[in-house]
Amino acid sequence: MKRVLLHLFVLTYGSLIFAEVNLVLRASHKKSPRLEEMHKTKRKNPLTLNKSKAF
């Protein structure tokens, strides 16, 4: 009986941690200024645009 309870506890706790990490990663991905700057420079830079069209 103890093993079953422990297993359930680990499963629920693990899934909660996973969900929390997922949320944090999503939030940091959306709101990080460095990524936004990279996207802006990629759009402005003609060299990267030409490379992406070539491939």
N, C-alpha and C. Protein backbone atom coordinates (compact mmCIF):
# COMPACT_ATOMS: atom_id res chain seq x y z
N MET A 1 0.84 -1.21 0.00
CA MET A 1 0.00 0.00 0.00
C MET A 1 0.87 1.26 0.00
N LYS A 2 1.96 1.22 0.76
CA LYS A 2 2.83 2.40 0.82
C LYS A 2 3.45 2.68 -0.55
N ARG A 3 3.81 1.61 -1.26
CA ARG A 3 4.42 1.80 -2.58
C ARG A 3 3.45 2.49 -3.53
N VAL A 4 2.19 2.09 -3.49
CA VAL A 4 1.18 2.68 -4.38
C VAL A 4 1.02 4.16 -4.08
N LEU A 5 0.94 4.50 -2.79
CA LEU A 5 0.79 5.91 -2.40
C LEU A 5 2.01 6.72 -2.84
N LEU A 6 3.18 6.16 -2.62
CA LEU A 6 4.41 6.85 -3.00
C LEU A 6 4.44 7.07 -4.51
N HIS A 7 4.03 6.05 -5.25
CA HIS A 7 4.03 6.14 -6.70
C HIS A 7 3.08 7.25 -7.17
N LEU A 8 1.89 7.28 -6.60
CA LEU A 8 0.92 8.32 -6.95
C LEU A 8 1.46 9.70 -6.61
N PHE A 9 2.08 9.81 -5.43
CA PHE A 9 2.63 11.09 -4.98
C PHE A 9 3.70 11.57 -5.95
N VAL A 10 4.60 10.66 -6.33
CA VAL A 10 5.68 11.02 -7.24
C VAL A 10 5.12 11.43 -8.60
N LEU A 11 4.11 10.71 -9.07
CA LEU A 11 3.52 11.03 -10.38
C LEU A 11 2.89 12.42 -10.36
N THR A 12 2.08 12.70 -9.35
CA THR A 12 1.40 14.00 -9.31
C THR A 12 2.40 15.13 -9.11
N TYR A 13 3.36 14.91 -8.20
CA TYR A 13 4.36 15.95 -7.91
C TYR A 13 5.22 16.21 -9.14
N GLY A 14 5.60 15.13 -9.83
CA GLY A 14 6.42 15.26 -11.02
C GLY A 14 5.70 16.01 -12.12
N SER A 15 4.42 15.69 -12.31
CA SER A 15 3.66 16.37 -13.36
C SER A 15 3.47 17.85 -13.02
N LEU A 16 3.31 18.16 -11.73
CA LEU A 16 3.18 19.56 -11.32
C LEU A 16 4.46 20.32 -11.62
N ILE A 17 5.59 19.71 -11.28
CA ILE A 17 6.88 20.36 -11.54
C ILE A 17 7.05 20.58 -13.04
N PHE A 18 6.69 19.55 -13.83
CA PHE A 18 6.83 19.64 -15.28
C PHE A 18 5.98 20.79 -15.83
N ALA A 19 4.75 20.90 -15.34
CA ALA A 19 3.86 21.97 -15.80
C ALA A 19 4.42 23.34 -15.42
N GLU A 20 4.96 23.44 -14.21
CA GLU A 20 5.52 24.71 -13.74
C GLU A 20 6.70 25.12 -14.61
N VAL A 21 7.60 24.17 -14.88
CA VAL A 21 8.77 24.45 -15.71
C VAL A 21 8.32 24.87 -17.11
N ASN A 22 7.32 24.17 -17.64
CA ASN A 22 6.80 24.49 -18.97
C ASN A 22 6.28 25.92 -19.02
N LEU A 23 5.53 26.31 -17.99
CA LEU A 23 4.98 27.67 -17.94
C LEU A 23 6.10 28.70 -17.88
N VAL A 24 7.09 28.43 -17.04
CA VAL A 24 8.21 29.37 -16.89
C VAL A 24 8.95 29.52 -18.20
N LEU A 25 9.19 28.40 -18.88
CA LEU A 25 9.89 28.45 -20.16
C LEU A 25 9.10 29.23 -21.19
N ARG A 26 7.78 29.01 -21.23
CA ARG A 26 6.95 29.73 -22.19
C ARG A 26 6.98 31.23 -21.90
N ALA A 27 6.86 31.59 -20.62
CA ALA A 27 6.84 33.00 -20.24
C ALA A 27 8.16 33.67 -20.60
N SER A 28 9.27 33.00 -20.30
CA SER A 28 10.58 33.60 -20.58
C SER A 28 10.79 33.69 -22.08
N HIS A 29 10.26 32.73 -22.84
CA HIS A 29 10.43 32.75 -24.29
C HIS A 29 9.66 33.93 -24.89
N LYS A 30 8.47 34.18 -24.38
CA LYS A 30 7.65 35.26 -24.92
C LYS A 30 8.22 36.63 -24.56
N LYS A 31 8.71 36.77 -23.32
CA LYS A 31 9.04 38.11 -22.82
C LYS A 31 10.52 38.45 -22.80
N SER A 32 11.37 37.56 -23.36
CA SER A 32 12.79 37.88 -23.28
C SER A 32 13.16 38.88 -24.37
N PRO A 33 13.77 39.99 -23.98
CA PRO A 33 14.11 41.04 -24.95
C PRO A 33 15.20 40.62 -25.93
N ARG A 34 16.10 39.71 -25.49
CA ARG A 34 17.19 39.29 -26.36
C ARG A 34 16.65 38.58 -27.60
N LEU A 35 15.65 37.69 -27.38
CA LEU A 35 15.06 36.98 -28.51
C LEU A 35 14.35 37.95 -29.45
N GLU A 36 13.65 38.92 -28.89
CA GLU A 36 12.96 39.90 -29.73
C GLU A 36 13.96 40.68 -30.57
N GLU A 37 15.09 41.05 -29.96
CA GLU A 37 16.11 41.79 -30.71
C GLU A 37 16.66 40.94 -31.85
N MET A 38 16.88 39.64 -31.56
CA MET A 38 17.39 38.75 -32.59
C MET A 38 16.42 38.67 -33.76
N HIS A 39 15.13 38.56 -33.45
CA HIS A 39 14.13 38.47 -34.52
C HIS A 39 14.11 39.76 -35.35
N LYS A 40 14.23 40.89 -34.69
CA LYS A 40 14.22 42.16 -35.40
C LYS A 40 15.43 42.27 -36.32
N THR A 41 16.61 41.90 -35.81
CA THR A 41 17.82 42.01 -36.63
C THR A 41 17.76 41.03 -37.79
N LYS A 42 17.16 39.85 -37.57
CA LYS A 42 17.05 38.90 -38.67
C LYS A 42 16.18 39.47 -39.79
N ARG A 43 15.11 40.15 -39.41
CA ARG A 43 14.22 40.72 -40.43
C ARG A 43 14.91 41.84 -41.20
N LYS A 44 15.70 42.65 -40.49
CA LYS A 44 16.34 43.79 -41.13
C LYS A 44 17.54 43.39 -41.99
N ASN A 45 18.23 42.33 -41.59
CA ASN A 45 19.48 41.95 -42.25
C ASN A 45 19.19 41.23 -43.57
N PRO A 46 19.61 41.79 -44.70
CA PRO A 46 19.33 41.15 -46.00
C PRO A 46 20.13 39.87 -46.23
N LEU A 47 21.31 39.76 -45.61
CA LEU A 47 22.14 38.57 -45.81
C LEU A 47 21.44 37.32 -45.29
N THR A 48 20.85 37.43 -44.10
CA THR A 48 20.18 36.26 -43.53
C THR A 48 18.94 35.92 -44.35
N LEU A 49 18.28 36.94 -44.90
CA LEU A 49 17.09 36.69 -45.72
C LEU A 49 17.49 35.92 -46.98
N ASN A 50 18.59 36.33 -47.60
CA ASN A 50 19.05 35.64 -48.81
C ASN A 50 19.43 34.20 -48.51
N LYS A 51 20.10 33.97 -47.38
CA LYS A 51 20.48 32.61 -47.01
C LYS A 51 19.26 31.73 -46.82
N SER A 52 18.24 32.27 -46.15
CA SER A 52 17.04 31.47 -45.88
C SER A 52 16.30 31.15 -47.18
N LYS A 53 16.33 32.08 -48.15
CA LYS A 53 15.68 31.82 -49.44
C LYS A 53 16.44 30.76 -50.23
N ALA A 54 17.77 30.76 -50.10
CA ALA A 54 18.58 29.82 -50.86
C ALA A 54 18.33 28.38 -50.40
N PHE A 55 18.09 28.20 -49.10
CA PHE A 55 17.94 26.82 -48.61
C PHE A 55 16.56 26.30 -48.75
